């Protein structure tokens, strides 16, 4: 664990202790649900840790405004915009090499000799580059252009139509309660999971948790937030709040 990660964990634990003191009834309700729906041989702290960590992470995400992530998202979006032109130019070069190699152009042979290669090898290399740029592959880390808060979108994010952080937290918490109470604790620790339909959402408790985390967000209702998410966010996954790419 790095110094930064260690400090972040200490801050989270300190916040958690303070949260439990100031919101003892809410914390008690979460602990009670964790015990009530605990699977035989399971670990009830999976729910409590997940719930309180989500609240703290959302609060940090809001305070920091995630400027570094926003910057990287813009870079990703510029890349996506420029990629089409780059691929088009690659196609032109590939066709140029194929055509003039077929015609046995002496100037092309001289150029390839200076490069220490030949037209066939260069075409192969450029074709592989084109495939790498255009093929949908599993990223080593989720692309910033597809992420906002704890939501991972199947397409690049339209920054003008993103959910507020308290609303995202409400959906996140409803999903955690649904997963836990339906016996799907394993999914809670995955990097990305769809909002489940089974299990108990505990909307009223989620309202309390969101309001306790963001006191100014009293108008947020978990039930409507979940309904809006289901209606307007097909294919969106719930992911950790921690900024990616650190």
C-alpha atoms as a PDB file:
ATOM      1  CA  UNK A   1       0.000   0.000   0.000  1.00  0.00           C
ATOM      2  CA  UNK A   2       1.369   3.414  -0.979  1.00  0.00           C
ATOM      3  CA  UNK A   3       1.571   6.383   1.400  1.00  0.00           C
ATOM      4  CA  UNK A   4      -1.294   8.013  -0.491  1.00  0.00           C
ATOM      5  CA  UNK A   5      -3.460   4.887  -0.229  1.00  0.00           C
ATOM      6  CA  UNK A   6      -2.623   4.523   3.463  1.00  0.00           C
ATOM      7  CA  UNK A   7      -3.606   8.126   4.135  1.00  0.00           C
ATOM      8  CA  UNK A   8      -6.811   7.699   2.177  1.00  0.00           C
ATOM      9  CA  UNK A   9      -7.714   4.613   4.227  1.00  0.00           C
ATOM     10  CA  UNK A  10      -7.006   6.431   7.498  1.00  0.00           C
ATOM     11  CA  UNK A  11      -9.181   9.345   6.411  1.00  0.00           C
ATOM     12  CA  UNK A  12     -11.985   6.951   5.463  1.00  0.00           C
ATOM     13  CA  UNK A  13     -11.837   5.166   8.824  1.00  0.00           C
ATOM     14  CA  UNK A  14     -11.841   8.461  10.720  1.00  0.00           C
ATOM     15  CA  UNK A  15     -14.833   9.653   8.696  1.00  0.00           C
ATOM     16  CA  UNK A  16     -16.608   6.358   9.314  1.00  0.00           C
ATOM     17  CA  UNK A  17     -16.179   6.612  13.092  1.00  0.00           C
ATOM     18  CA  UNK A  18     -17.455  10.177  13.079  1.00  0.00           C
ATOM     19  CA  UNK A  19     -20.361   9.216  10.807  1.00  0.00           C
ATOM     20  CA  UNK A  20     -21.432   6.446  13.192  1.00  0.00           C
ATOM     21  CA  UNK A  21     -21.338   8.844  16.157  1.00  0.00           C
ATOM     22  CA  UNK A  22     -23.410  11.494  14.416  1.00  0.00           C
ATOM     23  CA  UNK A  23     -25.793   9.030  12.748  1.00  0.00           C
ATOM     24  CA  UNK A  24     -25.973   6.176  15.238  1.00  0.00           C
ATOM     25  CA  UNK A  25     -29.538   5.176  14.309  1.00  0.00           C
ATOM     26  CA  UNK A  26     -28.698   4.937  10.604  1.00  0.00           C
ATOM     27  CA  UNK A  27     -25.557   2.904  11.327  1.00  0.00           C
ATOM     28  CA  UNK A  28     -27.564   0.594  13.605  1.00  0.00           C
ATOM     29  CA  UNK A  29     -30.087  -0.029  10.807  1.00  0.00           C
ATOM     30  CA  UNK A  30     -27.320  -0.939   8.365  1.00  0.00           C
ATOM     31  CA  UNK A  31     -25.700  -3.319  10.861  1.00  0.00           C
ATOM     32  CA  UNK A  32     -29.083  -4.917  11.598  1.00  0.00           C
ATOM     33  CA  UNK A  33     -29.756  -5.555   7.907  1.00  0.00           C
ATOM     34  CA  UNK A  34     -26.287  -7.003   7.497  1.00  0.00           C
ATOM     35  CA  UNK A  35     -26.927  -9.482  10.288  1.00  0.00           C
ATOM     36  CA  UNK A  36     -30.507 -10.256   9.262  1.00  0.00           C
ATOM     37  CA  UNK A  37     -29.589 -11.199   5.694  1.00  0.00           C
ATOM     38  CA  UNK A  38     -26.182 -12.682   6.421  1.00  0.00           C
ATOM     39  CA  UNK A  39     -25.750 -15.969   4.582  1.00  0.00           C
ATOM     40  CA  UNK A  40     -24.623 -18.999   6.570  1.00  0.00           C
ATOM     41  CA  UNK A  41     -20.870 -18.795   6.918  1.00  0.00           C
ATOM     42  CA  UNK A  42     -20.903 -15.383   5.287  1.00  0.00           C
ATOM     43  CA  UNK A  43     -19.419 -12.102   6.433  1.00  0.00           C
ATOM     44  CA  UNK A  44     -21.835  -9.345   7.447  1.00  0.00           C
ATOM     45  CA  UNK A  45     -19.095  -6.704   7.233  1.00  0.00           C
ATOM     46  CA  UNK A  46     -19.193  -7.057   3.449  1.00  0.00           C
ATOM     47  CA  UNK A  47     -22.370  -4.964   3.434  1.00  0.00           C
ATOM     48  CA  UNK A  48     -21.450  -2.477   6.135  1.00  0.00           C
ATOM     49  CA  UNK A  49     -17.997  -1.827   4.691  1.00  0.00           C
ATOM     50  CA  UNK A  50     -19.375  -1.484   1.164  1.00  0.00           C
ATOM     51  CA  UNK A  51     -22.128   0.920   2.232  1.00  0.00           C
ATOM     52  CA  UNK A  52     -20.007   3.234   4.327  1.00  0.00           C
ATOM     53  CA  UNK A  53     -17.071   3.154   1.927  1.00  0.00           C
ATOM     54  CA  UNK A  54     -19.414   4.143  -0.931  1.00  0.00           C
ATOM     55  CA  UNK A  55     -20.693   7.088   1.102  1.00  0.00           C
ATOM     56  CA  UNK A  56     -17.209   8.278   1.984  1.00  0.00           C
ATOM     57  CA  UNK A  57     -15.856   7.776  -1.526  1.00  0.00           C
ATOM     58  CA  UNK A  58     -18.783   9.735  -3.005  1.00  0.00           C
ATOM     59  CA  UNK A  59     -18.132  12.572  -0.568  1.00  0.00           C
ATOM     60  CA  UNK A  60     -14.436  12.675  -1.479  1.00  0.00           C
ATOM     61  CA  UNK A  61     -15.301  12.520  -5.163  1.00  0.00           C
ATOM     62  CA  UNK A  62     -17.601  15.508  -4.712  1.00  0.00           C
ATOM     63  CA  UNK A  63     -15.124  17.585  -2.691  1.00  0.00           C
ATOM     64  CA  UNK A  64     -12.185  17.000  -5.001  1.00  0.00           C
ATOM     65  CA  UNK A  65     -14.373  17.570  -8.092  1.00  0.00           C
ATOM     66  CA  UNK A  66     -12.115  14.910  -9.623  1.00  0.00           C
ATOM     67  CA  UNK A  67     -10.265  17.456 -11.761  1.00  0.00           C
ATOM     68  CA  UNK A  68      -7.575  14.971 -12.795  1.00  0.00           C
ATOM     69  CA  UNK A  69     -10.203  12.535 -14.017  1.00  0.00           C
ATOM     70  CA  UNK A  70     -12.063  15.275 -15.880  1.00  0.00           C
ATOM     71  CA  UNK A  71      -8.828  16.249 -17.622  1.00  0.00           C
ATOM     72  CA  UNK A  72      -8.138  12.631 -18.615  1.00  0.00           C
ATOM     73  CA  UNK A  73     -11.717  12.207 -19.833  1.00  0.00           C
ATOM     74  CA  UNK A  74     -11.244  15.194 -22.167  1.00  0.00           C
ATOM     75  CA  UNK A  75      -8.005  13.682 -23.466  1.00  0.00           C
ATOM     76  CA  UNK A  76      -9.794  10.384 -24.111  1.00  0.00           C
ATOM     77  CA  UNK A  77     -12.610  12.150 -25.946  1.00  0.00           C
ATOM     78  CA  UNK A  78     -10.159  14.091 -28.129  1.00  0.00           C
ATOM     79  CA  UNK A  79      -8.451  10.781 -28.919  1.00  0.00           C
ATOM     80  CA  UNK A  80     -11.771   9.258 -29.990  1.00  0.00           C
ATOM     81  CA  UNK A  81     -12.473  12.287 -32.160  1.00  0.00           C
ATOM     82  CA  UNK A  82      -9.033  12.211 -33.823  1.00  0.00           C
ATOM     83  CA  UNK A  83      -8.866   8.436 -34.228  1.00  0.00           C
ATOM     84  CA  UNK A  84     -11.166   8.340 -37.248  1.00  0.00           C
ATOM     85  CA  UNK A  85      -8.931  10.684 -39.235  1.00  0.00           C
ATOM     86  CA  UNK A  86      -5.826   8.738 -38.213  1.00  0.00           C
ATOM     87  CA  UNK A  87      -7.352   5.428 -39.329  1.00  0.00           C
ATOM     88  CA  UNK A  88      -8.420   6.990 -42.616  1.00  0.00           C
ATOM     89  CA  UNK A  89      -4.843   8.131 -43.214  1.00  0.00           C
ATOM     90  CA  UNK A  90      -3.538   4.682 -42.342  1.00  0.00           C
ATOM     91  CA  UNK A  91      -5.854   3.204 -44.951  1.00  0.00           C
ATOM     92  CA  UNK A  92      -4.477   5.630 -47.532  1.00  0.00           C
ATOM     93  CA  UNK A  93      -0.860   4.728 -46.718  1.00  0.00           C
ATOM     94  CA  UNK A  94      -1.598   0.993 -46.742  1.00  0.00           C
ATOM     95  CA  UNK A  95      -3.292   1.201 -50.144  1.00  0.00           C
ATOM     96  CA  UNK A  96      -0.468   3.390 -51.445  1.00  0.00           C
ATOM     97  CA  UNK A  97       2.160   0.841 -50.419  1.00  0.00           C
ATOM     98  CA  UNK A  98       0.215  -2.101 -51.800  1.00  0.00           C
ATOM     99  CA  UNK A  99      -0.435  -0.412 -55.153  1.00  0.00           C
ATOM    100  CA  UNK A 100       3.082   0.844 -55.812  1.00  0.00           C
ATOM    101  CA  UNK A 101       4.753  -2.307 -54.488  1.00  0.00           C
ATOM    102  CA  UNK A 102       2.634  -4.259 -56.959  1.00  0.00           C
ATOM    103  CA  UNK A 103       3.842  -1.897 -59.715  1.00  0.00           C
ATOM    104  CA  UNK A 104       7.421  -2.399 -58.494  1.00  0.00           C
ATOM    105  CA  UNK A 105       8.102   1.330 -58.134  1.00  0.00           C
ATOM    106  CA  UNK A 106      11.829   1.951 -57.802  1.00  0.00           C
ATOM    107  CA  UNK A 107      11.275   5.030 -55.600  1.00  0.00           C
ATOM    108  CA  UNK A 108       9.230   2.908 -53.170  1.00  0.00           C
ATOM    109  CA  UNK A 109      11.960   0.261 -53.064  1.00  0.00           C
ATOM    110  CA  UNK A 110      14.499   2.969 -52.257  1.00  0.00           C
ATOM    111  CA  UNK A 111      12.296   4.323 -49.478  1.00  0.00           C
ATOM    112  CA  UNK A 112      11.784   0.876 -47.976  1.00  0.00           C
ATOM    113  CA  UNK A 113      15.538   0.147 -48.221  1.00  0.00           C
ATOM    114  CA  UNK A 114      16.275   3.330 -46.284  1.00  0.00           C
ATOM    115  CA  UNK A 115      13.736   2.184 -43.697  1.00  0.00           C
ATOM    116  CA  UNK A 116      15.394  -1.211 -43.443  1.00  0.00           C
ATOM    117  CA  UNK A 117      12.152  -2.984 -44.278  1.00  0.00           C
ATOM    118  CA  UNK A 118       9.949  -3.800 -47.242  1.00  0.00           C
ATOM    119  CA  UNK A 119       6.438  -2.913 -48.332  1.00  0.00           C
ATOM    120  CA  UNK A 120       4.898  -6.186 -47.140  1.00  0.00           C
ATOM    121  CA  UNK A 121       6.273  -5.842 -43.602  1.00  0.00           C
ATOM    122  CA  UNK A 122       5.305  -2.187 -43.407  1.00  0.00           C
ATOM    123  CA  UNK A 123       1.766  -2.943 -44.593  1.00  0.00           C
ATOM    124  CA  UNK A 124       1.515  -5.694 -41.971  1.00  0.00           C
ATOM    125  CA  UNK A 125       2.692  -3.359 -39.210  1.00  0.00           C
ATOM    126  CA  UNK A 126       0.301  -0.582 -40.243  1.00  0.00           C
ATOM    127  CA  UNK A 127      -2.586  -3.064 -40.541  1.00  0.00           C
ATOM    128  CA  UNK A 128      -1.911  -4.294 -36.995  1.00  0.00           C
ATOM    129  CA  UNK A 129      -1.841  -0.692 -35.780  1.00  0.00           C
ATOM    130  CA  UNK A 130      -5.174  -0.022 -37.465  1.00  0.00           C
ATOM    131  CA  UNK A 131      -6.692  -3.122 -35.858  1.00  0.00           C
ATOM    132  CA  UNK A 132      -5.394  -2.076 -32.442  1.00  0.00           C
ATOM    133  CA  UNK A 133      -6.948   1.365 -32.843  1.00  0.00           C
ATOM    134  CA  UNK A 134     -10.341   0.173 -34.036  1.00  0.00           C
ATOM    135  CA  UNK A 135     -10.965  -3.177 -32.323  1.00  0.00           C
ATOM    136  CA  UNK A 136     -12.986  -3.096 -29.113  1.00  0.00           C
ATOM    137  CA  UNK A 137     -10.802  -4.756 -26.510  1.00  0.00           C
ATOM    138  CA  UNK A 138     -10.967  -5.093 -22.743  1.00  0.00           C
ATOM    139  CA  UNK A 139      -9.038  -2.140 -21.367  1.00  0.00           C
ATOM    140  CA  UNK A 140      -6.398  -2.581 -18.683  1.00  0.00           C
ATOM    141  CA  UNK A 141      -8.276   0.144 -16.801  1.00  0.00           C
ATOM    142  CA  UNK A 142     -11.754   1.432 -17.674  1.00  0.00           C
ATOM    143  CA  UNK A 143     -11.507   4.393 -20.066  1.00  0.00           C
ATOM    144  CA  UNK A 144     -12.035   7.792 -18.472  1.00  0.00           C
ATOM    145  CA  UNK A 145     -14.290   8.748 -21.366  1.00  0.00           C
ATOM    146  CA  UNK A 146     -16.819   6.116 -20.234  1.00  0.00           C
ATOM    147  CA  UNK A 147     -16.826   6.894 -16.497  1.00  0.00           C
ATOM    148  CA  UNK A 148     -18.669   9.364 -14.313  1.00  0.00           C
ATOM    149  CA  UNK A 149     -18.601   8.835 -10.566  1.00  0.00           C
ATOM    150  CA  UNK A 150     -19.607   5.245  -9.883  1.00  0.00           C
ATOM    151  CA  UNK A 151     -21.227   4.770 -13.306  1.00  0.00           C
ATOM    152  CA  UNK A 152     -19.476   3.050 -16.215  1.00  0.00           C
ATOM    153  CA  UNK A 153     -21.232   3.840 -19.497  1.00  0.00           C
ATOM    154  CA  UNK A 154     -21.098   1.576 -22.582  1.00  0.00           C
ATOM    155  CA  UNK A 155     -20.415   4.663 -24.734  1.00  0.00           C
ATOM    156  CA  UNK A 156     -18.391   7.847 -24.125  1.00  0.00           C
ATOM    157  CA  UNK A 157     -19.998  10.078 -21.513  1.00  0.00           C
ATOM    158  CA  UNK A 158     -22.008  13.111 -22.557  1.00  0.00           C
ATOM    159  CA  UNK A 159     -20.888  15.494 -19.819  1.00  0.00           C
ATOM    160  CA  UNK A 160     -24.026  17.611 -20.249  1.00  0.00           C
ATOM    161  CA  UNK A 161     -26.256  14.740 -19.150  1.00  0.00           C
ATOM    162  CA  UNK A 162     -24.601  13.174 -16.129  1.00  0.00           C
ATOM    163  CA  UNK A 163     -26.240  12.301 -12.823  1.00  0.00           C
ATOM    164  CA  UNK A 164     -25.498  14.276  -9.684  1.00  0.00           C
ATOM    165  CA  UNK A 165     -23.216  12.653  -7.135  1.00  0.00           C
ATOM    166  CA  UNK A 166     -25.928  12.212  -4.436  1.00  0.00           C
ATOM    167  CA  UNK A 167     -28.201  10.604  -7.043  1.00  0.00           C
ATOM    168  CA  UNK A 168     -25.443   8.239  -8.149  1.00  0.00           C
ATOM    169  CA  UNK A 169     -24.768   7.356  -4.522  1.00  0.00           C
ATOM    170  CA  UNK A 170     -28.453   6.519  -4.043  1.00  0.00           C
ATOM    171  CA  UNK A 171     -28.375   4.099  -6.998  1.00  0.00           C
ATOM    172  CA  UNK A 172     -25.079   2.640  -5.767  1.00  0.00           C
ATOM    173  CA  UNK A 173     -26.473   1.975  -2.278  1.00  0.00           C
ATOM    174  CA  UNK A 174     -29.757   0.513  -3.569  1.00  0.00           C
ATOM    175  CA  UNK A 175     -27.685  -1.874  -5.690  1.00  0.00           C
ATOM    176  CA  UNK A 176     -25.549  -2.909  -2.716  1.00  0.00           C
ATOM    177  CA  UNK A 177     -28.603  -3.663  -0.581  1.00  0.00           C
ATOM    178  CA  UNK A 178     -30.256  -5.592  -3.406  1.00  0.00           C
ATOM    179  CA  UNK A 179     -27.146  -7.679  -4.041  1.00  0.00           C
ATOM    180  CA  UNK A 180     -26.568  -8.452  -0.381  1.00  0.00           C
ATOM    181  CA  UNK A 181     -30.155  -9.341   0.479  1.00  0.00           C
ATOM    182  CA  UNK A 182     -30.452 -11.577  -2.596  1.00  0.00           C
ATOM    183  CA  UNK A 183     -27.398 -13.556  -1.489  1.00  0.00           C
ATOM    184  CA  UNK A 184     -25.111 -12.235  -4.211  1.00  0.00           C
ATOM    185  CA  UNK A 185     -22.326 -10.914  -1.981  1.00  0.00           C
ATOM    186  CA  UNK A 186     -19.598 -11.930  -4.423  1.00  0.00           C
ATOM    187  CA  UNK A 187     -20.821  -9.458  -7.047  1.00  0.00           C
ATOM    188  CA  UNK A 188     -20.486  -6.596  -4.541  1.00  0.00           C
ATOM    189  CA  UNK A 189     -16.726  -6.919  -4.685  1.00  0.00           C
ATOM    190  CA  UNK A 190     -16.524  -7.048  -8.490  1.00  0.00           C
ATOM    191  CA  UNK A 191     -15.170  -4.112 -10.497  1.00  0.00           C
ATOM    192  CA  UNK A 192     -18.462  -3.611 -12.261  1.00  0.00           C
ATOM    193  CA  UNK A 193     -21.992  -4.981 -11.849  1.00  0.00           C
ATOM    194  CA  UNK A 194     -25.434  -4.180 -13.292  1.00  0.00           C
ATOM    195  CA  UNK A 195     -28.133  -2.870 -10.993  1.00  0.00           C
ATOM    196  CA  UNK A 196     -29.930  -6.027  -9.776  1.00  0.00           C
ATOM    197  CA  UNK A 197     -33.697  -6.462  -9.874  1.00  0.00           C
ATOM    198  CA  UNK A 198     -33.927  -8.944  -6.995  1.00  0.00           C
ATOM    199  CA  UNK A 199     -33.260  -8.358  -3.323  1.00  0.00           C
ATOM    200  CA  UNK A 200     -34.545  -5.609  -1.040  1.00  0.00           C
ATOM    201  CA  UNK A 201     -33.659  -2.003  -1.989  1.00  0.00           C
ATOM    202  CA  UNK A 202     -34.296  -0.398   1.422  1.00  0.00           C
ATOM    203  CA  UNK A 203     -35.140   2.899  -0.252  1.00  0.00           C
ATOM    204  CA  UNK A 204     -35.988   4.709   2.994  1.00  0.00           C
ATOM    205  CA  UNK A 205     -32.655   3.796   4.572  1.00  0.00           C
ATOM    206  CA  UNK A 206     -30.799   4.823   1.426  1.00  0.00           C
ATOM    207  CA  UNK A 207     -32.544   8.210   1.601  1.00  0.00           C
ATOM    208  CA  UNK A 208     -31.201   8.624   5.131  1.00  0.00           C
ATOM    209  CA  UNK A 209     -27.678   7.564   4.152  1.00  0.00           C
ATOM    210  CA  UNK A 210     -27.527   9.970   1.201  1.00  0.00           C
ATOM    211  CA  UNK A 211     -28.923  12.852   3.267  1.00  0.00           C
ATOM    212  CA  UNK A 212     -26.458  12.153   6.089  1.00  0.00           C
ATOM    213  CA  UNK A 213     -23.590  12.178   3.580  1.00  0.00           C
ATOM    214  CA  UNK A 214     -24.873  15.167   1.598  1.00  0.00           C
ATOM    215  CA  UNK A 215     -27.146  17.179   3.946  1.00  0.00           C
ATOM    216  CA  UNK A 216     -28.053  19.594   1.149  1.00  0.00           C
ATOM    217  CA  UNK A 217     -29.448  16.764  -1.012  1.00  0.00           C
ATOM    218  CA  UNK A 218     -32.697  16.383   0.921  1.00  0.00           C
ATOM    219  CA  UNK A 219     -34.676  16.249  -2.310  1.00  0.00           C
ATOM    220  CA  UNK A 220     -32.975  13.023  -3.455  1.00  0.00           C
ATOM    221  CA  UNK A 221     -35.290  10.023  -3.306  1.00  0.00           C
ATOM    222  CA  UNK A 222     -33.714   6.610  -3.791  1.00  0.00           C
ATOM    223  CA  UNK A 223     -36.844   5.073  -5.294  1.00  0.00           C
ATOM    224  CA  UNK A 224     -37.098   7.673  -8.057  1.00  0.00           C
ATOM    225  CA  UNK A 225     -33.326   7.653  -8.592  1.00  0.00           C
ATOM    226  CA  UNK A 226     -33.425   3.901  -9.140  1.00  0.00           C
ATOM    227  CA  UNK A 227     -36.427   4.175 -11.488  1.00  0.00           C
ATOM    228  CA  UNK A 228     -34.729   6.905 -13.524  1.00  0.00           C
ATOM    229  CA  UNK A 229     -31.535   4.878 -13.714  1.00  0.00           C
ATOM    230  CA  UNK A 230     -33.359   1.790 -14.981  1.00  0.00           C
ATOM    231  CA  UNK A 231     -35.267   3.846 -17.558  1.00  0.00           C
ATOM    232  CA  UNK A 232     -32.460   6.074 -18.834  1.00  0.00           C
ATOM    233  CA  UNK A 233     -29.227   4.138 -18.303  1.00  0.00           C
ATOM    234  CA  UNK A 234     -29.297   0.834 -20.227  1.00  0.00           C
ATOM    235  CA  UNK A 235     -26.008  -1.011 -20.092  1.00  0.00           C
ATOM    236  CA  UNK A 236     -24.516   1.166 -17.338  1.00  0.00           C
ATOM    237  CA  UNK A 237     -22.536  -0.693 -14.652  1.00  0.00           C
ATOM    238  CA  UNK A 238     -21.856   0.262 -11.034  1.00  0.00           C
ATOM    239  CA  UNK A 239     -18.121   0.591 -10.344  1.00  0.00           C
ATOM    240  CA  UNK A 240     -15.856   1.827  -7.520  1.00  0.00           C
ATOM    241  CA  UNK A 241     -15.746   5.592  -6.994  1.00  0.00           C
ATOM    242  CA  UNK A 242     -11.964   5.711  -6.748  1.00  0.00           C
ATOM    243  CA  UNK A 243     -10.597   7.729  -9.699  1.00  0.00           C
ATOM    244  CA  UNK A 244      -9.171   5.394 -12.322  1.00  0.00           C
ATOM    245  CA  UNK A 245      -5.713   5.589 -13.740  1.00  0.00           C
ATOM    246  CA  UNK A 246      -3.984   6.652 -10.518  1.00  0.00           C
END
